[in-house]
Amino acid sequence: MPQSIPNGEGSTSEPPSSGAPGAHVRVLGIAQDGGVPHIGCRNACCARAWTDLSYRRHAACAAVLIPVGEGAVYRRWLVDATPDLRWQLRHLDVAAPAANPTMPGLEGILLTHAHYGHVAGLAALGREAAGARGVAVWAMPRLLQLLGESRPWARLVEDGVILPRALEAGRALALGGGLSATPLPVPHRTALSETVAFRVQGPRSSLLWLPDVDAWDDAAADPRALVGSVDRAYLDGTFFDGSELPGRDRSRIAHPTMSDTLERARSWPEALRARLRFIHLNHSNPALWPGSPAREAVLGEGCGVAEEGEIWAL
């Protein structure tokens, strides 16, 4: 059964079955790249989190976990390497100990794109911190080129800390245990690299992890089609609505708001809306907090907000 994170750093929920979860995805972070509390934030949204660890939220991240034997240990795959990597690996060490005995106990890391909150944790694998060796890092071609040519990432490659491995759009990567992860290109600021979501397929169910998208587009990123293609969908929920961005040009801030997504979802069947859970919430997003009017609005539409520690059986 799932275990709580020490010191109140998250929460847990039951898997969608009454027995042991077997292979599953575990949510390790739900916040936008800077986490909660956010650097330099002196506003009410972060005030409690500076002093109360139960209000801390880590950058969006998930782990795909495949039990070995009776499930006492797991083959562990990480989706994105966030600035909160040490806490997220600690969470895994408590809840899903590694079958792989070498630091950091991962079969590999799957990267969605090149932005800070999704790659910064790679630096912690180097000799200044984890001292890891031979960690397989799977990414799309432009991101692999960035890792190989730009320091400090290039140093990690040169020292053998990370081993770059190429993903191909739409082609499934076998994870073991009958599971696979397929990168799906989505539109999101492309100055540094491509951006992908991951569709994770297991023997019993499937899941979509999509933390960043510029906007919903019925051709390039149709939310109904994406949610309808899986049993559980975690979607970009960076901002709740435009009120979080006073004086800023929404056209220059690439993310659909949760309110925009909920408006689209209102016409969907109830069962389809129930598959949708939001991730990658900015520190200013009031839907982060259970009981808030924003969270209640999400629940009222039959959707949800992910919580750190929740799992989905595959």
Protein backbone atom coordinates (compact mmCIF):
# COMPACT_ATOMS: atom_id res chain seq x y z
CA MET A 1 0.00 0.00 0.00
CA PRO A 2 1.20 3.58 -0.53
CA GLN A 3 3.11 5.24 2.29
CA SER A 4 3.05 8.86 3.39
CA ILE A 5 5.96 11.18 2.72
CA PRO A 6 7.88 12.08 5.91
CA ASN A 7 7.34 15.52 7.46
CA GLY A 8 4.01 16.05 5.74
CA GLU A 9 5.57 16.74 2.34
CA GLY A 10 2.61 15.56 0.33
CA SER A 11 -0.31 13.15 0.54
CA THR A 12 -1.43 9.79 -0.74
CA SER A 13 -4.48 8.29 -2.36
CA GLU A 14 -5.62 4.75 -3.02
CA PRO A 15 -4.92 3.03 -6.33
CA PRO A 16 -7.92 2.33 -8.56
CA SER A 17 -8.15 -1.27 -7.28
CA SER A 18 -8.62 -2.92 -3.91
CA GLY A 19 -5.45 -4.99 -4.01
CA ALA A 20 -1.74 -4.15 -4.20
CA PRO A 21 -1.11 -1.71 -7.04
CA GLY A 22 1.51 -3.76 -8.89
CA ALA A 23 2.96 -1.62 -11.67
CA HIS A 24 1.86 1.96 -11.16
CA VAL A 25 2.61 5.64 -11.61
CA ARG A 26 3.27 7.70 -8.49
CA VAL A 27 2.93 11.48 -8.54
CA LEU A 28 6.01 13.12 -6.97
CA GLY A 29 5.24 16.77 -7.62
CA ILE A 30 2.33 18.92 -8.80
CA ALA A 31 3.74 22.47 -8.84
CA GLN A 32 5.09 24.66 -11.63
CA ASP A 33 8.88 24.64 -12.07
CA GLY A 34 9.64 26.89 -9.07
CA GLY A 35 7.59 24.87 -6.59
CA VAL A 36 5.83 26.17 -3.49
CA PRO A 37 6.99 28.31 -1.79
CA HIS A 38 8.27 30.13 -4.84
CA ILE A 39 11.61 31.94 -4.78
CA GLY A 40 11.19 35.55 -3.69
CA CYS A 41 7.43 35.27 -3.13
CA ARG A 42 6.25 37.47 -0.25
CA ASN A 43 2.56 37.12 -1.03
CA ALA A 44 -0.12 35.27 0.89
CA CYS A 45 -0.04 32.33 -1.55
CA CYS A 46 3.38 31.24 -0.24
CA ALA A 47 3.36 32.65 3.30
CA ARG A 48 2.34 29.41 5.03
CA ALA A 49 4.70 27.25 2.98
CA TRP A 50 7.79 29.14 4.18
CA THR A 51 7.18 27.92 7.74
CA ASP A 52 4.87 24.88 7.44
CA LEU A 53 6.21 21.94 5.44
CA SER A 54 2.71 20.56 4.93
CA TYR A 55 2.10 23.44 2.49
CA ARG A 56 5.23 22.73 0.46
CA ARG A 57 4.65 21.44 -3.06
CA HIS A 58 7.35 20.07 -5.35
CA ALA A 59 7.83 20.64 -9.07
CA ALA A 60 5.76 18.42 -11.38
CA CYS A 61 7.24 14.94 -11.64
CA ALA A 62 6.05 11.34 -11.82
CA ALA A 63 7.61 7.91 -11.39
CA VAL A 64 6.69 4.74 -13.28
CA LEU A 65 7.21 1.83 -10.88
CA ILE A 66 7.44 -1.82 -11.88
CA PRO A 67 7.56 -4.39 -9.03
CA VAL A 68 10.23 -7.06 -9.02
CA GLY A 69 9.28 -10.40 -7.50
CA GLU A 70 6.78 -9.88 -4.70
CA GLY A 71 7.06 -6.11 -5.04
CA ALA A 72 9.44 -5.42 -2.17
CA VAL A 73 11.61 -3.51 -4.66
CA TYR A 74 10.84 -1.74 -7.92
CA ARG A 75 12.33 -0.88 -11.26
CA ARG A 76 11.95 2.89 -11.22
CA TRP A 77 11.60 5.30 -14.15
CA LEU A 78 11.38 9.05 -13.57
CA VAL A 79 9.51 11.52 -15.76
CA ASP A 80 11.56 14.75 -15.64
CA ALA A 81 14.44 15.72 -13.35
CA THR A 82 13.22 18.64 -11.26
CA PRO A 83 14.98 21.03 -8.86
CA ASP A 84 13.31 18.96 -6.10
CA LEU A 85 15.01 15.74 -7.20
CA ARG A 86 16.50 14.87 -3.80
CA TRP A 87 13.11 15.03 -2.06
CA GLN A 88 11.42 13.10 -4.84
CA LEU A 89 14.03 10.34 -4.76
CA ARG A 90 13.65 10.20 -0.97
CA HIS A 91 9.91 9.78 -1.43
CA LEU A 92 10.60 6.84 -3.76
CA ASP A 93 13.15 5.30 -1.39
CA VAL A 94 10.45 5.20 1.32
CA ALA A 95 7.48 4.19 -0.83
CA ALA A 96 9.10 2.09 -3.59
CA PRO A 97 12.67 0.96 -2.83
CA ALA A 98 14.89 0.48 -5.86
CA ALA A 99 15.76 -2.86 -7.41
CA ASN A 100 18.73 -1.12 -9.05
CA PRO A 101 21.35 -0.78 -6.27
CA THR A 102 23.35 2.02 -7.92
CA MET A 103 22.69 5.70 -7.24
CA PRO A 104 20.05 7.05 -7.93
CA GLY A 105 18.26 3.72 -8.25
CA LEU A 106 16.64 4.50 -11.60
CA GLU A 107 16.25 2.54 -14.82
CA GLY A 108 16.17 5.86 -16.64
CA ILE A 109 14.82 9.40 -16.79
CA LEU A 110 12.31 10.50 -19.43
CA LEU A 111 12.48 14.23 -20.23
CA THR A 112 9.52 16.22 -21.53
CA HIS A 113 11.47 19.37 -22.52
CA ALA A 114 14.37 21.69 -21.71
CA HIS A 115 12.86 24.16 -19.24
CA TYR A 116 14.32 24.64 -15.77
CA GLY A 117 11.80 22.66 -13.76
CA HIS A 118 12.19 19.61 -15.96
CA VAL A 119 15.98 19.28 -16.35
CA ALA A 120 17.61 21.17 -13.46
CA GLY A 121 17.73 18.05 -11.31
CA LEU A 122 20.20 16.44 -13.70
CA ALA A 123 22.91 18.64 -12.20
CA ALA A 124 22.42 16.93 -8.83
CA LEU A 125 23.50 13.61 -10.34
CA GLY A 126 27.08 14.87 -10.79
CA ARG A 127 30.08 14.35 -8.54
CA GLU A 128 29.29 17.44 -6.46
CA ALA A 129 26.16 15.70 -5.13
CA ALA A 130 24.93 12.18 -6.02
CA GLY A 131 28.09 10.99 -7.76
CA ALA A 132 25.96 8.87 -10.06
CA ARG A 133 27.26 6.97 -13.07
CA GLY A 134 25.58 5.77 -16.24
CA VAL A 135 22.07 7.13 -15.71
CA ALA A 136 20.11 6.69 -18.95
CA VAL A 137 18.42 9.95 -19.92
CA TRP A 138 15.84 9.64 -22.70
CA ALA A 139 14.93 12.75 -24.68
CA MET A 140 13.96 14.03 -28.10
CA PRO A 141 16.70 14.93 -30.63
CA ARG A 142 16.96 18.69 -30.07
CA LEU A 143 17.02 18.25 -26.32
CA LEU A 144 19.71 15.58 -26.61
CA GLN A 145 21.75 18.01 -28.71
CA LEU A 146 21.35 20.67 -26.02
CA LEU A 147 22.50 18.26 -23.31
CA GLY A 148 25.53 17.26 -25.34
CA GLU A 149 26.66 20.74 -26.33
CA SER A 150 25.73 23.03 -23.41
CA ARG A 151 27.37 23.08 -20.01
CA PRO A 152 26.81 22.02 -17.30
CA TRP A 153 24.89 19.22 -19.00
CA ALA A 154 27.69 18.44 -21.45
CA ARG A 155 30.05 17.83 -18.54
CA LEU A 156 27.64 15.22 -17.17
CA VAL A 157 27.73 13.48 -20.54
CA GLU A 158 31.54 13.71 -20.81
CA ASP A 159 31.99 12.29 -17.29
CA GLY A 160 29.61 9.40 -17.94
CA VAL A 161 27.17 10.57 -15.30
CA ILE A 162 24.29 10.54 -17.77
CA LEU A 163 23.95 8.45 -20.91
CA PRO A 164 21.88 10.25 -23.58
CA ARG A 165 19.31 8.04 -25.29
CA ALA A 166 17.11 9.11 -28.21
CA LEU A 167 13.33 9.12 -28.19
CA GLU A 168 11.28 9.15 -31.38
CA ALA A 169 7.93 10.90 -31.58
CA GLY A 170 5.08 8.42 -31.45
CA ARG A 171 7.34 5.41 -30.94
CA ALA A 172 6.87 3.45 -27.73
CA LEU A 173 9.84 2.86 -25.43
CA ALA A 174 9.66 -0.45 -23.57
CA LEU A 175 10.06 0.06 -19.81
CA GLY A 176 9.88 -3.59 -18.79
CA GLY A 177 7.10 -5.61 -17.21
CA GLY A 178 4.89 -5.11 -20.24
CA LEU A 179 4.89 -1.31 -19.81
CA SER A 180 5.82 1.32 -22.36
CA ALA A 181 6.10 5.11 -22.63
CA THR A 182 5.36 6.93 -25.87
CA PRO A 183 6.46 10.57 -26.42
CA LEU A 184 3.71 12.71 -28.00
CA PRO A 185 4.78 16.13 -29.36
CA VAL A 186 2.78 19.10 -28.06
CA PRO A 187 3.17 22.84 -28.80
CA HIS A 188 5.18 24.63 -26.11
CA ARG A 189 7.86 27.33 -26.48
CA THR A 190 10.38 25.66 -28.77
CA ALA A 191 13.41 27.97 -28.49
CA LEU A 192 15.43 25.35 -26.61
CA SER A 193 13.89 22.01 -27.48
CA GLU A 194 10.84 20.07 -28.51
CA THR A 195 8.16 19.40 -25.89
CA VAL A 196 6.42 16.08 -25.44
CA ALA A 197 3.81 14.51 -23.25
CA PHE A 198 4.17 10.85 -22.30
CA ARG A 199 1.53 8.20 -22.75
CA VAL A 200 2.30 5.35 -20.36
CA GLN A 201 0.69 2.02 -21.21
CA GLY A 202 0.45 -0.84 -18.76
CA PRO A 203 -1.17 -4.27 -18.80
CA ARG A 204 -4.38 -2.96 -17.20
CA SER A 205 -4.62 0.76 -17.93
CA SER A 206 -2.98 3.81 -19.46
CA LEU A 207 -2.00 7.31 -18.36
CA LEU A 208 -1.05 10.63 -19.95
CA TRP A 209 1.47 13.03 -18.36
CA LEU A 210 1.31 16.48 -19.99
CA PRO A 211 2.71 19.22 -17.73
CA ASP A 212 3.26 21.95 -20.36
CA VAL A 213 1.37 23.09 -23.45
CA ASP A 214 1.06 26.53 -25.04
CA ALA A 215 -2.64 26.31 -25.80
CA TRP A 216 -5.26 23.77 -26.70
CA ASP A 217 -5.44 23.27 -30.42
CA ASP A 218 -7.83 20.79 -31.99
CA ALA A 219 -5.14 19.82 -34.49
CA ALA A 220 -1.89 19.93 -32.48
CA ALA A 221 -3.22 19.33 -28.95
CA ASP A 222 -6.89 18.42 -28.68
CA PRO A 223 -7.63 17.94 -24.97
CA ARG A 224 -10.73 15.82 -25.51
CA ALA A 225 -8.86 13.45 -27.81
CA LEU A 226 -5.88 13.29 -25.45
CA VAL A 227 -7.98 12.61 -22.36
CA GLY A 228 -10.12 10.14 -24.30
CA SER A 229 -7.08 8.13 -25.34
CA VAL A 230 -6.17 7.08 -21.77
CA ASP A 231 -7.70 6.01 -18.46
CA ARG A 232 -6.12 8.83 -16.43
CA ALA A 233 -4.86 12.17 -17.81
CA TYR A 234 -2.66 14.65 -15.96
CA LEU A 235 -2.83 18.00 -17.78
CA ASP A 236 -1.21 21.44 -17.57
CA GLY A 237 -2.97 23.49 -14.89
CA THR A 238 -0.38 26.24 -14.44
CA PHE A 239 -2.81 29.12 -13.87
CA PHE A 240 -6.39 28.99 -12.67
CA ASP A 241 -7.49 32.10 -14.57
CA GLY A 242 -6.24 35.46 -15.83
CA SER A 243 -6.65 37.17 -12.45
CA GLU A 244 -3.30 35.67 -11.37
CA LEU A 245 -1.54 37.73 -14.05
CA PRO A 246 -2.40 41.39 -13.41
CA GLY A 247 -0.83 43.77 -15.88
CA ARG A 248 0.63 40.96 -17.99
CA ASP A 249 -0.14 40.14 -21.60
CA ARG A 250 -1.81 36.71 -21.61
CA SER A 251 -0.72 36.17 -25.22
CA ARG A 252 2.91 36.12 -24.04
CA ILE A 253 2.27 33.56 -21.31
CA ALA A 254 2.01 30.15 -22.90
CA HIS A 255 -0.39 27.95 -20.93
CA PRO A 256 -4.13 27.40 -21.12
CA THR A 257 -5.76 28.35 -17.82
CA MET A 258 -7.60 25.73 -15.84
CA SER A 259 -10.76 27.77 -16.37
CA ASP A 260 -10.23 27.55 -20.14
CA THR A 261 -9.78 23.79 -19.93
CA LEU A 262 -12.81 23.35 -17.68
CA GLU A 263 -14.92 25.36 -20.12
CA ARG A 264 -13.94 22.97 -22.89
CA ALA A 265 -14.53 19.94 -20.68
CA ARG A 266 -18.03 21.05 -19.68
CA SER A 267 -19.48 19.46 -22.82
CA TRP A 268 -17.68 16.15 -22.31
CA PRO A 269 -19.38 13.07 -20.85
CA GLU A 270 -19.05 12.82 -17.06
CA ALA A 271 -16.89 9.71 -17.29
CA LEU A 272 -14.42 11.52 -19.54
CA ARG A 273 -14.17 14.54 -17.23
CA ALA A 274 -13.45 12.21 -14.32
CA ARG A 275 -10.23 11.08 -16.02
CA LEU A 276 -8.72 14.61 -15.92
CA ARG A 277 -6.48 15.78 -13.08
CA PHE A 278 -4.45 18.99 -13.17
CA ILE A 279 -0.70 19.27 -12.50
CA HIS A 280 2.05 21.91 -12.86
CA LEU A 281 0.15 24.50 -10.77
CA ASN A 282 1.86 27.86 -10.28
CA HIS A 283 2.39 29.03 -6.70
CA SER A 284 -0.26 31.71 -7.34
CA ASN A 285 -2.89 29.15 -8.36
CA PRO A 286 -5.57 28.96 -5.66
CA ALA A 287 -6.65 25.50 -6.84
CA LEU A 288 -3.52 24.13 -5.15
CA TRP A 289 -5.35 24.15 -1.84
CA PRO A 290 -8.15 21.75 -0.86
CA GLY A 291 -11.29 23.59 0.19
CA SER A 292 -10.53 26.73 -1.79
CA PRO A 293 -13.27 28.10 -4.08
CA ALA A 294 -11.01 27.37 -7.07
CA ARG A 295 -10.51 23.73 -6.03
CA GLU A 296 -14.24 23.38 -5.43
CA ALA A 297 -14.90 24.77 -8.91
CA VAL A 298 -12.67 22.08 -10.42
CA LEU A 299 -14.38 19.35 -8.43
CA GLY A 300 -17.77 20.76 -9.34
CA GLU A 301 -17.00 20.14 -13.00
CA GLY A 302 -16.20 16.51 -12.25
CA CYS A 303 -12.41 16.93 -12.69
CA GLY A 304 -9.62 16.90 -10.11
CA VAL A 305 -6.28 18.27 -8.97
CA ALA A 306 -3.44 15.82 -8.42
CA GLU A 307 -1.89 15.38 -4.99
CA GLU A 308 1.69 14.42 -4.26
CA GLY A 309 1.91 10.75 -3.39
CA GLU A 310 -1.16 9.60 -5.27
CA ILE A 311 -0.82 6.53 -7.45
CA TRP A 312 -2.50 5.10 -10.52
CA ALA A 313 -2.32 1.36 -11.13
CA LEU A 314 -1.20 0.30 -14.59
